[in-house]
Amino acid sequence: IRAHLVRGRYTLKDTLASIGMRAGNYATNVALAGATVVVFTWIYQFRAYDISMSSPWAWAAIVVLDDLAYYWFHRISHACRFWCAAHVNHPSPQAYTLSTAIRQPWTGVLVGTWAPWFVLLLIGFPPEMIFLQSGLNLLYQFWIHTEAIRRMPRWVEWLFNTPSHHRVHHASNDACLDKNYGGMLIIFDRLFGTFAVAPGHEPLRFGLVGGTP
């Protein structure tokens, strides 16, 4: 009942918790930025190709490949307890609002959730290119954390991650568990069998299965 009452509404306690998590996320990311750059630069020396940041084809490719890396990071973060411990705070709010988008972990870098992007380095995408595109991917995901937008045009819903798709991912209904892992795109969920639409016979319930600890 409580989850139903707060669904879609901002509450001061929940919003402040999300802001606090985001502040900690920024602090840890800044503190570990040097280590991240060192590791990415070291792996990049083993690249197969030299991909230029000035190539429009390279940017088109990294939009897709970065989202593929994000898909596997996200999927593993729900399946592997070690990574899940760093990710679990994000889907914990029982109200699905834009403040949910900024509730980010403090320990993601420490537990190695950046590993799926190593493949892009080995292909030959420069670290700067990967950092920029990953940031744009996360920026895109901010607006999809809302119940205010019901559905986008059909072609957008087919190709991109949208509020309707991401609501399913955050829902704790049985039919929604472990679905819709995409970042900007939804095509990899369709390809790998993890795509789902909201069940029509029951309202979505947000928050962790069993409630927030």
C-alpha atoms as a PDB file:
ATOM      1  CA  ILE A   1       0.000   0.000   0.000  1.00  0.00           C
ATOM      2  CA  ARG A   2       2.790   2.424   0.897  1.00  0.00           C
ATOM      3  CA  ALA A   3       4.510   1.807  -2.441  1.00  0.00           C
ATOM      4  CA  HIS A   4       1.249   2.590  -4.227  1.00  0.00           C
ATOM      5  CA  LEU A   5       0.762   5.841  -2.308  1.00  0.00           C
ATOM      6  CA  VAL A   6       4.213   7.232  -3.068  1.00  0.00           C
ATOM      7  CA  ARG A   7       4.458   5.913  -6.618  1.00  0.00           C
ATOM      8  CA  GLY A   8       5.288   8.723  -8.994  1.00  0.00           C
ATOM      9  CA  ARG A   9       5.598  11.336  -6.241  1.00  0.00           C
ATOM     10  CA  TYR A  10       8.624  13.155  -4.935  1.00  0.00           C
ATOM     11  CA  THR A  11       9.228  12.946  -1.201  1.00  0.00           C
ATOM     12  CA  LEU A  12      11.797  15.026   0.655  1.00  0.00           C
ATOM     13  CA  LYS A  13      13.438  12.050   2.372  1.00  0.00           C
ATOM     14  CA  ASP A  14      13.756  10.021  -0.814  1.00  0.00           C
ATOM     15  CA  THR A  15      15.010  12.956  -2.890  1.00  0.00           C
ATOM     16  CA  LEU A  16      17.629  13.951  -0.308  1.00  0.00           C
ATOM     17  CA  ALA A  17      18.816  10.337  -0.155  1.00  0.00           C
ATOM     18  CA  SER A  18      19.272  10.319  -3.927  1.00  0.00           C
ATOM     19  CA  ILE A  19      21.128  13.648  -3.874  1.00  0.00           C
ATOM     20  CA  GLY A  20      23.410  12.332  -1.130  1.00  0.00           C
ATOM     21  CA  MET A  21      24.144   9.180  -3.104  1.00  0.00           C
ATOM     22  CA  ARG A  22      24.975  11.260  -6.172  1.00  0.00           C
ATOM     23  CA  ALA A  23      27.321  13.505  -4.198  1.00  0.00           C
ATOM     24  CA  GLY A  24      29.158  10.456  -2.920  1.00  0.00           C
ATOM     25  CA  ASN A  25      29.266   9.020  -6.432  1.00  0.00           C
ATOM     26  CA  TYR A  26      30.908  12.182  -7.764  1.00  0.00           C
ATOM     27  CA  ALA A  27      33.394  12.231  -4.884  1.00  0.00           C
ATOM     28  CA  THR A  28      34.522   8.627  -5.378  1.00  0.00           C
ATOM     29  CA  ASN A  29      34.693   9.013  -9.154  1.00  0.00           C
ATOM     30  CA  VAL A  30      36.903  12.081  -8.824  1.00  0.00           C
ATOM     31  CA  ALA A  31      39.078  10.372  -6.212  1.00  0.00           C
ATOM     32  CA  LEU A  32      39.596   7.353  -8.457  1.00  0.00           C
ATOM     33  CA  ALA A  33      39.772   9.208 -11.774  1.00  0.00           C
ATOM     34  CA  GLY A  34      43.556   8.920 -11.939  1.00  0.00           C
ATOM     35  CA  ALA A  35      43.473   5.153 -11.431  1.00  0.00           C
ATOM     36  CA  THR A  36      40.769   4.812 -14.060  1.00  0.00           C
ATOM     37  CA  VAL A  37      42.769   6.750 -16.641  1.00  0.00           C
ATOM     38  CA  VAL A  38      45.915   4.737 -15.881  1.00  0.00           C
ATOM     39  CA  VAL A  39      44.138   1.397 -16.313  1.00  0.00           C
ATOM     40  CA  PHE A  40      42.330   2.431 -19.507  1.00  0.00           C
ATOM     41  CA  THR A  41      45.540   3.863 -20.999  1.00  0.00           C
ATOM     42  CA  TRP A  42      47.499   0.715 -20.166  1.00  0.00           C
ATOM     43  CA  ILE A  43      44.914  -1.566 -21.802  1.00  0.00           C
ATOM     44  CA  TYR A  44      44.669   0.729 -24.833  1.00  0.00           C
ATOM     45  CA  GLN A  45      48.292  -0.002 -25.788  1.00  0.00           C
ATOM     46  CA  PHE A  46      47.212  -3.534 -26.750  1.00  0.00           C
ATOM     47  CA  ARG A  47      44.610  -2.286 -29.239  1.00  0.00           C
ATOM     48  CA  ALA A  48      44.052  -4.053 -32.544  1.00  0.00           C
ATOM     49  CA  TYR A  49      43.365  -0.892 -34.578  1.00  0.00           C
ATOM     50  CA  ASP A  50      43.928   2.859 -34.397  1.00  0.00           C
ATOM     51  CA  ILE A  51      40.484   4.440 -34.509  1.00  0.00           C
ATOM     52  CA  SER A  52      40.392   8.182 -35.065  1.00  0.00           C
ATOM     53  CA  MET A  53      38.140  10.378 -32.948  1.00  0.00           C
ATOM     54  CA  SER A  54      37.612  12.549 -36.031  1.00  0.00           C
ATOM     55  CA  SER A  55      35.798   9.771 -37.916  1.00  0.00           C
ATOM     56  CA  PRO A  56      31.992  10.087 -37.968  1.00  0.00           C
ATOM     57  CA  TRP A  57      31.796   6.323 -38.580  1.00  0.00           C
ATOM     58  CA  ALA A  58      33.756   5.740 -35.397  1.00  0.00           C
ATOM     59  CA  TRP A  59      31.285   7.847 -33.421  1.00  0.00           C
ATOM     60  CA  ALA A  60      28.338   6.002 -34.965  1.00  0.00           C
ATOM     61  CA  ALA A  61      29.961   2.701 -34.041  1.00  0.00           C
ATOM     62  CA  ILE A  62      30.785   3.654 -30.460  1.00  0.00           C
ATOM     63  CA  VAL A  63      27.216   4.773 -29.772  1.00  0.00           C
ATOM     64  CA  VAL A  64      26.124   1.202 -30.463  1.00  0.00           C
ATOM     65  CA  LEU A  65      29.126  -0.595 -28.944  1.00  0.00           C
ATOM     66  CA  ASP A  66      29.127   1.548 -25.801  1.00  0.00           C
ATOM     67  CA  ASP A  67      25.500   0.624 -25.281  1.00  0.00           C
ATOM     68  CA  LEU A  68      26.366  -3.038 -25.782  1.00  0.00           C
ATOM     69  CA  ALA A  69      29.030  -2.712 -23.084  1.00  0.00           C
ATOM     70  CA  TYR A  70      26.499  -0.958 -20.858  1.00  0.00           C
ATOM     71  CA  TYR A  71      23.950  -3.736 -21.468  1.00  0.00           C
ATOM     72  CA  TRP A  72      26.359  -6.413 -20.235  1.00  0.00           C
ATOM     73  CA  PHE A  73      27.545  -4.318 -17.296  1.00  0.00           C
ATOM     74  CA  HIS A  74      23.922  -3.805 -16.288  1.00  0.00           C
ATOM     75  CA  ARG A  75      22.905  -7.415 -16.808  1.00  0.00           C
ATOM     76  CA  ILE A  76      25.881  -8.751 -14.857  1.00  0.00           C
ATOM     77  CA  SER A  77      25.152  -6.221 -12.092  1.00  0.00           C
ATOM     78  CA  HIS A  78      21.812  -7.942 -11.569  1.00  0.00           C
ATOM     79  CA  ALA A  79      23.197 -11.491 -11.782  1.00  0.00           C
ATOM     80  CA  CYS A  80      26.516 -11.225  -9.897  1.00  0.00           C
ATOM     81  CA  ARG A  81      26.192 -10.454  -6.187  1.00  0.00           C
ATOM     82  CA  PHE A  82      29.570  -8.714  -6.071  1.00  0.00           C
ATOM     83  CA  TRP A  83      28.520  -6.163  -8.681  1.00  0.00           C
ATOM     84  CA  CYS A  84      24.931  -6.104  -7.459  1.00  0.00           C
ATOM     85  CA  ALA A  85      26.142  -4.866  -4.062  1.00  0.00           C
ATOM     86  CA  ALA A  86      27.389  -1.734  -5.830  1.00  0.00           C
ATOM     87  CA  HIS A  87      24.330  -1.319  -8.045  1.00  0.00           C
ATOM     88  CA  VAL A  88      21.449  -2.189  -5.739  1.00  0.00           C
ATOM     89  CA  ASN A  89      20.939   1.316  -4.332  1.00  0.00           C
ATOM     90  CA  HIS A  90      19.844   2.640  -7.737  1.00  0.00           C
ATOM     91  CA  PRO A  91      16.603   0.637  -8.103  1.00  0.00           C
ATOM     92  CA  SER A  92      15.750   0.838  -4.400  1.00  0.00           C
ATOM     93  CA  PRO A  93      13.338   3.855  -4.380  1.00  0.00           C
ATOM     94  CA  GLN A  94       9.660   2.971  -4.165  1.00  0.00           C
ATOM     95  CA  ALA A  95       8.777   6.156  -6.053  1.00  0.00           C
ATOM     96  CA  TYR A  96       9.897   6.297  -9.681  1.00  0.00           C
ATOM     97  CA  THR A  97      10.932   9.899 -10.326  1.00  0.00           C
ATOM     98  CA  LEU A  98      13.793  11.833 -11.880  1.00  0.00           C
ATOM     99  CA  SER A  99      15.513  11.825  -8.502  1.00  0.00           C
ATOM    100  CA  THR A 100      15.880   8.056  -8.916  1.00  0.00           C
ATOM    101  CA  ALA A 101      18.223   8.697 -11.841  1.00  0.00           C
ATOM    102  CA  ILE A 102      20.795  10.428  -9.644  1.00  0.00           C
ATOM    103  CA  ARG A 103      20.856   7.697  -7.001  1.00  0.00           C
ATOM    104  CA  GLN A 104      24.180   6.214  -8.068  1.00  0.00           C
ATOM    105  CA  PRO A 105      26.695   3.942  -6.301  1.00  0.00           C
ATOM    106  CA  TRP A 106      29.908   4.886  -4.537  1.00  0.00           C
ATOM    107  CA  THR A 107      31.759   1.612  -5.163  1.00  0.00           C
ATOM    108  CA  GLY A 108      31.199   0.861  -8.862  1.00  0.00           C
ATOM    109  CA  VAL A 109      34.774   1.717  -9.840  1.00  0.00           C
ATOM    110  CA  LEU A 110      36.212  -0.217  -6.905  1.00  0.00           C
ATOM    111  CA  VAL A 111      34.455  -3.479  -7.816  1.00  0.00           C
ATOM    112  CA  GLY A 112      35.393  -3.250 -11.497  1.00  0.00           C
ATOM    113  CA  THR A 113      32.060  -2.562 -13.148  1.00  0.00           C
ATOM    114  CA  TRP A 114      34.011  -0.756 -15.898  1.00  0.00           C
ATOM    115  CA  ALA A 115      35.381  -4.094 -17.231  1.00  0.00           C
ATOM    116  CA  PRO A 116      32.938  -4.484 -20.182  1.00  0.00           C
ATOM    117  CA  TRP A 117      34.415  -1.322 -21.716  1.00  0.00           C
ATOM    118  CA  PHE A 118      37.890  -2.890 -21.882  1.00  0.00           C
ATOM    119  CA  VAL A 119      36.796  -4.638 -25.086  1.00  0.00           C
ATOM    120  CA  LEU A 120      36.316  -1.251 -26.767  1.00  0.00           C
ATOM    121  CA  LEU A 121      39.849  -0.273 -25.796  1.00  0.00           C
ATOM    122  CA  LEU A 122      41.226  -3.479 -27.281  1.00  0.00           C
ATOM    123  CA  ILE A 123      39.349  -2.838 -30.514  1.00  0.00           C
ATOM    124  CA  GLY A 124      41.021   0.565 -30.739  1.00  0.00           C
ATOM    125  CA  PHE A 125      38.629   3.216 -29.445  1.00  0.00           C
ATOM    126  CA  PRO A 126      40.610   5.893 -27.552  1.00  0.00           C
ATOM    127  CA  PRO A 127      39.900   6.180 -23.799  1.00  0.00           C
ATOM    128  CA  GLU A 128      38.752   9.804 -24.227  1.00  0.00           C
ATOM    129  CA  MET A 129      36.160   8.681 -26.761  1.00  0.00           C
ATOM    130  CA  ILE A 130      34.860   5.963 -24.459  1.00  0.00           C
ATOM    131  CA  PHE A 131      34.664   8.305 -21.443  1.00  0.00           C
ATOM    132  CA  LEU A 132      32.740  10.893 -23.463  1.00  0.00           C
ATOM    133  CA  GLN A 133      30.259   8.471 -24.971  1.00  0.00           C
ATOM    134  CA  SER A 134      29.677   6.706 -21.649  1.00  0.00           C
ATOM    135  CA  GLY A 135      28.925  10.082 -20.089  1.00  0.00           C
ATOM    136  CA  LEU A 136      26.465  10.931 -22.864  1.00  0.00           C
ATOM    137  CA  ASN A 137      24.807   7.542 -22.386  1.00  0.00           C
ATOM    138  CA  LEU A 138      24.262   8.211 -18.686  1.00  0.00           C
ATOM    139  CA  LEU A 139      23.040  11.732 -19.413  1.00  0.00           C
ATOM    140  CA  TYR A 140      20.464  10.320 -21.827  1.00  0.00           C
ATOM    141  CA  GLN A 141      19.161   7.983 -19.137  1.00  0.00           C
ATOM    142  CA  PHE A 142      18.198  10.824 -16.795  1.00  0.00           C
ATOM    143  CA  TRP A 143      14.911  11.663 -18.533  1.00  0.00           C
ATOM    144  CA  ILE A 144      13.641   8.070 -18.715  1.00  0.00           C
ATOM    145  CA  HIS A 145      13.216   7.884 -14.932  1.00  0.00           C
ATOM    146  CA  THR A 146       9.666   9.226 -14.891  1.00  0.00           C
ATOM    147  CA  GLU A 147       6.037   8.174 -14.907  1.00  0.00           C
ATOM    148  CA  ALA A 148       4.994  11.490 -16.455  1.00  0.00           C
ATOM    149  CA  ILE A 149       5.687  10.242 -20.004  1.00  0.00           C
ATOM    150  CA  ARG A 150       3.540   7.281 -20.966  1.00  0.00           C
ATOM    151  CA  ARG A 151       4.828   6.271 -24.406  1.00  0.00           C
ATOM    152  CA  MET A 152       6.903   7.717 -27.224  1.00  0.00           C
ATOM    153  CA  PRO A 153       6.216   7.233 -30.973  1.00  0.00           C
ATOM    154  CA  ARG A 154       6.349   3.592 -32.052  1.00  0.00           C
ATOM    155  CA  TRP A 155       9.703   3.828 -33.871  1.00  0.00           C
ATOM    156  CA  VAL A 156      11.297   5.452 -30.822  1.00  0.00           C
ATOM    157  CA  GLU A 157       9.931   2.713 -28.575  1.00  0.00           C
ATOM    158  CA  TRP A 158      11.341   0.045 -30.901  1.00  0.00           C
ATOM    159  CA  LEU A 159      14.874   1.450 -31.062  1.00  0.00           C
ATOM    160  CA  PHE A 160      15.531   3.478 -27.924  1.00  0.00           C
ATOM    161  CA  ASN A 161      15.233   2.987 -24.201  1.00  0.00           C
ATOM    162  CA  THR A 162      12.243   5.062 -23.101  1.00  0.00           C
ATOM    163  CA  PRO A 163      10.383   5.800 -19.859  1.00  0.00           C
ATOM    164  CA  SER A 164       7.921   2.982 -20.588  1.00  0.00           C
ATOM    165  CA  HIS A 165      10.760   0.475 -21.074  1.00  0.00           C
ATOM    166  CA  HIS A 166      12.798   1.612 -18.091  1.00  0.00           C
ATOM    167  CA  ARG A 167       9.796   1.610 -15.777  1.00  0.00           C
ATOM    168  CA  VAL A 168       9.607  -2.115 -16.446  1.00  0.00           C
ATOM    169  CA  HIS A 169      13.261  -2.501 -15.499  1.00  0.00           C
ATOM    170  CA  HIS A 170      12.738  -0.730 -12.159  1.00  0.00           C
ATOM    171  CA  ALA A 171       9.512  -2.562 -11.332  1.00  0.00           C
ATOM    172  CA  SER A 172       9.508  -5.456  -8.879  1.00  0.00           C
ATOM    173  CA  ASN A 173       6.556  -7.275 -10.460  1.00  0.00           C
ATOM    174  CA  ASP A 174       7.448 -10.872 -11.301  1.00  0.00           C
ATOM    175  CA  ALA A 175       6.992 -10.277 -15.036  1.00  0.00           C
ATOM    176  CA  CYS A 176       9.442  -7.356 -14.940  1.00  0.00           C
ATOM    177  CA  LEU A 177      12.378  -8.878 -13.094  1.00  0.00           C
ATOM    178  CA  ASP A 178      15.681  -8.958 -15.000  1.00  0.00           C
ATOM    179  CA  LYS A 179      14.309  -7.157 -18.042  1.00  0.00           C
ATOM    180  CA  ASN A 180      15.245  -4.103 -20.151  1.00  0.00           C
ATOM    181  CA  TYR A 181      18.908  -3.589 -19.310  1.00  0.00           C
ATOM    182  CA  GLY A 182      19.676  -1.159 -22.158  1.00  0.00           C
ATOM    183  CA  GLY A 183      21.095   2.328 -21.691  1.00  0.00           C
ATOM    184  CA  MET A 184      20.264   4.506 -24.677  1.00  0.00           C
ATOM    185  CA  LEU A 185      19.057   1.639 -26.869  1.00  0.00           C
ATOM    186  CA  ILE A 186      16.621  -1.219 -26.341  1.00  0.00           C
ATOM    187  CA  ILE A 187      17.779  -3.311 -29.314  1.00  0.00           C
ATOM    188  CA  PHE A 188      20.112  -5.546 -27.309  1.00  0.00           C
ATOM    189  CA  ASP A 189      17.298  -6.530 -24.959  1.00  0.00           C
ATOM    190  CA  ARG A 190      15.285  -7.521 -28.012  1.00  0.00           C
ATOM    191  CA  LEU A 191      18.278  -9.416 -29.422  1.00  0.00           C
ATOM    192  CA  PHE A 192      19.242 -11.272 -26.228  1.00  0.00           C
ATOM    193  CA  GLY A 193      15.724 -12.072 -25.006  1.00  0.00           C
ATOM    194  CA  THR A 194      15.522  -9.716 -22.025  1.00  0.00           C
ATOM    195  CA  PHE A 195      12.926  -7.317 -23.434  1.00  0.00           C
ATOM    196  CA  ALA A 196       9.518  -6.985 -21.775  1.00  0.00           C
ATOM    197  CA  VAL A 197       6.582  -4.606 -21.779  1.00  0.00           C
ATOM    198  CA  ALA A 198       4.619  -3.664 -18.691  1.00  0.00           C
ATOM    199  CA  PRO A 199       2.067  -6.296 -17.665  1.00  0.00           C
ATOM    200  CA  GLY A 200      -1.389  -5.039 -18.501  1.00  0.00           C
ATOM    201  CA  HIS A 201      -3.183  -6.805 -15.647  1.00  0.00           C
ATOM    202  CA  GLU A 202      -1.458  -5.147 -12.670  1.00  0.00           C
ATOM    203  CA  PRO A 203       0.107  -1.792 -11.758  1.00  0.00           C
ATOM    204  CA  LEU A 204       3.870  -1.544 -11.584  1.00  0.00           C
ATOM    205  CA  ARG A 205       5.431  -1.725  -8.140  1.00  0.00           C
ATOM    206  CA  PHE A 206       8.803  -0.019  -7.697  1.00  0.00           C
ATOM    207  CA  GLY A 207      11.591  -0.749  -5.271  1.00  0.00           C
ATOM    208  CA  LEU A 208      13.483  -3.904  -4.368  1.00  0.00           C
ATOM    209  CA  VAL A 209      11.834  -7.304  -4.181  1.00  0.00           C
ATOM    210  CA  GLY A 210      10.973  -7.800  -0.513  1.00  0.00           C
ATOM    211  CA  GLY A 211      11.243  -4.082   0.219  1.00  0.00           C
ATOM    212  CA  THR A 212      14.079  -1.663   0.844  1.00  0.00           C
ATOM    213  CA  PRO A 213      16.443  -2.897   3.576  1.00  0.00           C
END
